[in-house]
Amino acid sequence: MTRADLPTPDDESRPYWDAAREGRLLVARCGACGRAHHYPRPFCPFCWSTEVAPERASGHATLYTHSTVYMNDLAPFAERLPYVAALVELEEGPRLMTNIVGCDPADLRIGMPLEADFIPLDDELTATVFRPATGGPTR
């Protein structure tokens, strides 16, 4: 049975999901304008070129904004409460929605350095999450 809370990878997003399962974060880079973007799609959202290719991101980010979720009765989120929903800005430029793990929500500060981590959702899909940077190399 398909879980309604999981994304359905398609041809454009499959490289992203495969890389996440291997502990790597991908962004897309446009060959025409040179800008990086995220989420995976077959065209550049800036210049509309189809010359886009996946590229490994550093995994370094800064916290752009966040909210701690204390109430959510939808499965599977109720089992995860409280959790931090966040928007992070990658070193490469794109911003992405994610969760922050590995720290007390009260310790989060806008602009704090973060690093990517990866949490399996099931046998096929792995989520990219972020945690406070330790100063060492990321995955």
C-alpha atoms as a PDB file:
ATOM      1  CA  MET A   1       0.000   0.000   0.000  1.00  0.00           C
ATOM      2  CA  THR A   2       1.332   3.440  -0.944  1.00  0.00           C
ATOM      3  CA  ARG A   3       1.797   5.852   1.949  1.00  0.00           C
ATOM      4  CA  ALA A   4       0.093   9.191   1.322  1.00  0.00           C
ATOM      5  CA  ASP A   5       2.698  11.080   3.371  1.00  0.00           C
ATOM      6  CA  LEU A   6       5.608  10.134   1.091  1.00  0.00           C
ATOM      7  CA  PRO A   7       6.576  11.811  -2.174  1.00  0.00           C
ATOM      8  CA  THR A   8       6.308   9.932  -5.438  1.00  0.00           C
ATOM      9  CA  PRO A   9       9.609  10.196  -7.329  1.00  0.00           C
ATOM     10  CA  ASP A  10       9.330  10.829 -11.053  1.00  0.00           C
ATOM     11  CA  ASP A  11      11.933  10.889 -13.837  1.00  0.00           C
ATOM     12  CA  GLU A  12      13.082  14.423 -12.938  1.00  0.00           C
ATOM     13  CA  SER A  13      13.324  13.869  -9.183  1.00  0.00           C
ATOM     14  CA  ARG A  14      14.659  10.283  -9.114  1.00  0.00           C
ATOM     15  CA  PRO A  15      18.366  11.338  -9.154  1.00  0.00           C
ATOM     16  CA  TYR A  16      17.685  13.550  -6.112  1.00  0.00           C
ATOM     17  CA  TRP A  17      16.027  10.716  -4.165  1.00  0.00           C
ATOM     18  CA  ASP A  18      18.676   8.172  -5.189  1.00  0.00           C
ATOM     19  CA  ALA A  19      21.444  10.540  -4.037  1.00  0.00           C
ATOM     20  CA  ALA A  20      19.694  11.195  -0.708  1.00  0.00           C
ATOM     21  CA  ARG A  21      19.497   7.440  -0.090  1.00  0.00           C
ATOM     22  CA  GLU A  22      23.297   7.400  -0.600  1.00  0.00           C
ATOM     23  CA  GLY A  23      23.819  10.336   1.796  1.00  0.00           C
ATOM     24  CA  ARG A  24      24.335  13.037  -0.858  1.00  0.00           C
ATOM     25  CA  LEU A  25      22.379  16.232  -1.478  1.00  0.00           C
ATOM     26  CA  LEU A  26      21.816  17.292  -5.072  1.00  0.00           C
ATOM     27  CA  VAL A  27      20.795  20.627  -6.515  1.00  0.00           C
ATOM     28  CA  ALA A  28      20.273  21.404 -10.183  1.00  0.00           C
ATOM     29  CA  ARG A  29      22.595  23.759 -12.069  1.00  0.00           C
ATOM     30  CA  CYS A  30      21.543  25.532 -15.258  1.00  0.00           C
ATOM     31  CA  GLY A  31      24.045  25.305 -18.103  1.00  0.00           C
ATOM     32  CA  ALA A  32      22.620  28.439 -19.735  1.00  0.00           C
ATOM     33  CA  CYS A  33      22.540  30.969 -16.864  1.00  0.00           C
ATOM     34  CA  GLY A  34      24.735  29.117 -14.346  1.00  0.00           C
ATOM     35  CA  ARG A  35      22.302  29.414 -11.419  1.00  0.00           C
ATOM     36  CA  ALA A  36      21.554  26.584  -9.021  1.00  0.00           C
ATOM     37  CA  HIS A  37      18.012  25.713  -8.035  1.00  0.00           C
ATOM     38  CA  HIS A  38      16.081  23.233  -5.986  1.00  0.00           C
ATOM     39  CA  TYR A  39      13.581  21.269  -6.309  1.00  0.00           C
ATOM     40  CA  PRO A  40      14.369  18.930  -9.213  1.00  0.00           C
ATOM     41  CA  ARG A  41      12.620  19.892 -12.436  1.00  0.00           C
ATOM     42  CA  PRO A  42      13.435  19.678 -16.150  1.00  0.00           C
ATOM     43  CA  PHE A  43      13.867  23.436 -16.683  1.00  0.00           C
ATOM     44  CA  CYS A  44      15.566  26.396 -15.020  1.00  0.00           C
ATOM     45  CA  PRO A  45      13.104  28.526 -13.026  1.00  0.00           C
ATOM     46  CA  PHE A  46      15.200  31.630 -13.777  1.00  0.00           C
ATOM     47  CA  CYS A  47      15.777  31.520 -17.554  1.00  0.00           C
ATOM     48  CA  TRP A  48      13.528  28.575 -18.559  1.00  0.00           C
ATOM     49  CA  SER A  49      16.402  26.726 -20.207  1.00  0.00           C
ATOM     50  CA  THR A  50      16.209  22.942 -20.305  1.00  0.00           C
ATOM     51  CA  GLU A  51      20.004  22.732 -19.945  1.00  0.00           C
ATOM     52  CA  VAL A  52      19.846  21.629 -16.302  1.00  0.00           C
ATOM     53  CA  ALA A  53      21.905  18.922 -14.665  1.00  0.00           C
ATOM     54  CA  PRO A  54      22.166  17.605 -11.119  1.00  0.00           C
ATOM     55  CA  GLU A  55      25.221  18.601  -9.105  1.00  0.00           C
ATOM     56  CA  ARG A  56      26.345  17.548  -5.660  1.00  0.00           C
ATOM     57  CA  ALA A  57      25.765  20.248  -3.060  1.00  0.00           C
ATOM     58  CA  SER A  58      28.171  20.839  -0.185  1.00  0.00           C
ATOM     59  CA  GLY A  59      25.521  20.113   2.449  1.00  0.00           C
ATOM     60  CA  HIS A  60      26.310  23.430   4.157  1.00  0.00           C
ATOM     61  CA  ALA A  61      23.402  25.777   4.821  1.00  0.00           C
ATOM     62  CA  THR A  62      22.203  28.582   7.066  1.00  0.00           C
ATOM     63  CA  LEU A  63      18.886  28.717   8.848  1.00  0.00           C
ATOM     64  CA  TYR A  64      16.635  31.176   7.032  1.00  0.00           C
ATOM     65  CA  THR A  65      13.447  30.712   9.091  1.00  0.00           C
ATOM     66  CA  HIS A  66      11.769  28.022  11.190  1.00  0.00           C
ATOM     67  CA  SER A  67       8.708  27.079  13.179  1.00  0.00           C
ATOM     68  CA  THR A  68       8.358  24.465  15.871  1.00  0.00           C
ATOM     69  CA  VAL A  69       5.249  22.356  15.302  1.00  0.00           C
ATOM     70  CA  TYR A  70       3.620  21.222  18.542  1.00  0.00           C
ATOM     71  CA  MET A  71       0.240  20.088  17.197  1.00  0.00           C
ATOM     72  CA  ASN A  72      -0.410  17.998  14.093  1.00  0.00           C
ATOM     73  CA  ASP A  73      -2.848  15.125  14.298  1.00  0.00           C
ATOM     74  CA  LEU A  74      -2.156  13.836  10.783  1.00  0.00           C
ATOM     75  CA  ALA A  75      -0.221  10.587  10.438  1.00  0.00           C
ATOM     76  CA  PRO A  76       2.719  10.207  10.614  1.00  0.00           C
ATOM     77  CA  PHE A  77       3.406  13.686  11.996  1.00  0.00           C
ATOM     78  CA  ALA A  78       1.640  13.127  15.314  1.00  0.00           C
ATOM     79  CA  GLU A  79       4.361  10.621  16.265  1.00  0.00           C
ATOM     80  CA  ARG A  80       7.106  13.170  15.519  1.00  0.00           C
ATOM     81  CA  LEU A  81       5.881  16.025  17.726  1.00  0.00           C
ATOM     82  CA  PRO A  82       7.383  18.422  18.379  1.00  0.00           C
ATOM     83  CA  TYR A  83       9.350  18.900  15.172  1.00  0.00           C
ATOM     84  CA  VAL A  84      10.985  21.865  13.501  1.00  0.00           C
ATOM     85  CA  ALA A  85       9.859  22.827  10.013  1.00  0.00           C
ATOM     86  CA  ALA A  86      12.422  25.118   8.427  1.00  0.00           C
ATOM     87  CA  LEU A  87      13.567  26.933   5.345  1.00  0.00           C
ATOM     88  CA  VAL A  88      17.341  26.753   4.905  1.00  0.00           C
ATOM     89  CA  GLU A  89      19.570  28.556   2.439  1.00  0.00           C
ATOM     90  CA  LEU A  90      22.144  26.281   0.860  1.00  0.00           C
ATOM     91  CA  GLU A  91      25.715  27.463   0.360  1.00  0.00           C
ATOM     92  CA  GLU A  92      25.020  27.087  -3.390  1.00  0.00           C
ATOM     93  CA  GLY A  93      22.143  29.601  -3.165  1.00  0.00           C
ATOM     94  CA  PRO A  94      18.814  27.743  -3.319  1.00  0.00           C
ATOM     95  CA  ARG A  95      16.511  27.601  -0.339  1.00  0.00           C
ATOM     96  CA  LEU A  96      14.712  24.419   0.603  1.00  0.00           C
ATOM     97  CA  MET A  97      12.056  23.271   3.034  1.00  0.00           C
ATOM     98  CA  THR A  98      13.265  20.700   5.511  1.00  0.00           C
ATOM     99  CA  ASN A  99      13.286  19.669   9.152  1.00  0.00           C
ATOM    100  CA  ILE A 100      15.920  20.565  11.726  1.00  0.00           C
ATOM    101  CA  VAL A 101      17.024  17.679  13.936  1.00  0.00           C
ATOM    102  CA  GLY A 102      19.610  17.101  16.627  1.00  0.00           C
ATOM    103  CA  CYS A 103      19.022  20.148  18.808  1.00  0.00           C
ATOM    104  CA  ASP A 104      16.564  21.786  21.153  1.00  0.00           C
ATOM    105  CA  PRO A 105      14.286  24.114  19.157  1.00  0.00           C
ATOM    106  CA  ALA A 106      15.012  26.867  21.700  1.00  0.00           C
ATOM    107  CA  ASP A 107      18.672  26.810  20.593  1.00  0.00           C
ATOM    108  CA  LEU A 108      17.880  27.644  16.948  1.00  0.00           C
ATOM    109  CA  ARG A 109      18.933  31.064  15.664  1.00  0.00           C
ATOM    110  CA  ILE A 110      18.312  32.615  12.259  1.00  0.00           C
ATOM    111  CA  GLY A 111      21.580  32.544  10.304  1.00  0.00           C
ATOM    112  CA  MET A 112      23.093  29.661  12.274  1.00  0.00           C
ATOM    113  CA  PRO A 113      25.230  27.232  10.266  1.00  0.00           C
ATOM    114  CA  LEU A 114      23.684  23.864   9.464  1.00  0.00           C
ATOM    115  CA  GLU A 115      24.762  20.691   7.727  1.00  0.00           C
ATOM    116  CA  ALA A 116      22.758  18.123   5.809  1.00  0.00           C
ATOM    117  CA  ASP A 117      21.906  14.762   7.276  1.00  0.00           C
ATOM    118  CA  PHE A 118      19.762  11.966   5.906  1.00  0.00           C
ATOM    119  CA  ILE A 119      16.940  10.003   7.541  1.00  0.00           C
ATOM    120  CA  PRO A 120      15.356   6.950   5.865  1.00  0.00           C
ATOM    121  CA  LEU A 121      11.593   7.278   5.418  1.00  0.00           C
ATOM    122  CA  ASP A 122      11.139   3.722   4.135  1.00  0.00           C
ATOM    123  CA  ASP A 123      13.180   1.187   2.143  1.00  0.00           C
ATOM    124  CA  GLU A 124      13.205   3.411  -0.954  1.00  0.00           C
ATOM    125  CA  LEU A 125      13.108   7.047   0.197  1.00  0.00           C
ATOM    126  CA  THR A 126      15.438   9.051   2.404  1.00  0.00           C
ATOM    127  CA  ALA A 127      14.694  12.583   3.606  1.00  0.00           C
ATOM    128  CA  THR A 128      17.290  15.319   3.644  1.00  0.00           C
ATOM    129  CA  VAL A 129      17.196  17.061   7.008  1.00  0.00           C
ATOM    130  CA  PHE A 130      19.582  19.506   8.631  1.00  0.00           C
ATOM    131  CA  ARG A 131      21.289  19.720  11.996  1.00  0.00           C
ATOM    132  CA  PRO A 132      23.521  22.342  13.628  1.00  0.00           C
ATOM    133  CA  ALA A 133      26.969  22.308  12.003  1.00  0.00           C
ATOM    134  CA  THR A 134      29.718  20.671  13.987  1.00  0.00           C
ATOM    135  CA  GLY A 135      32.535  22.370  12.135  1.00  0.00           C
ATOM    136  CA  GLY A 136      33.668  19.114  10.543  1.00  0.00           C
ATOM    137  CA  PRO A 137      33.037  17.836   7.046  1.00  0.00           C
ATOM    138  CA  THR A 138      29.479  16.968   6.061  1.00  0.00           C
ATOM    139  CA  ARG A 139      28.512  13.756   4.343  1.00  0.00           C
END
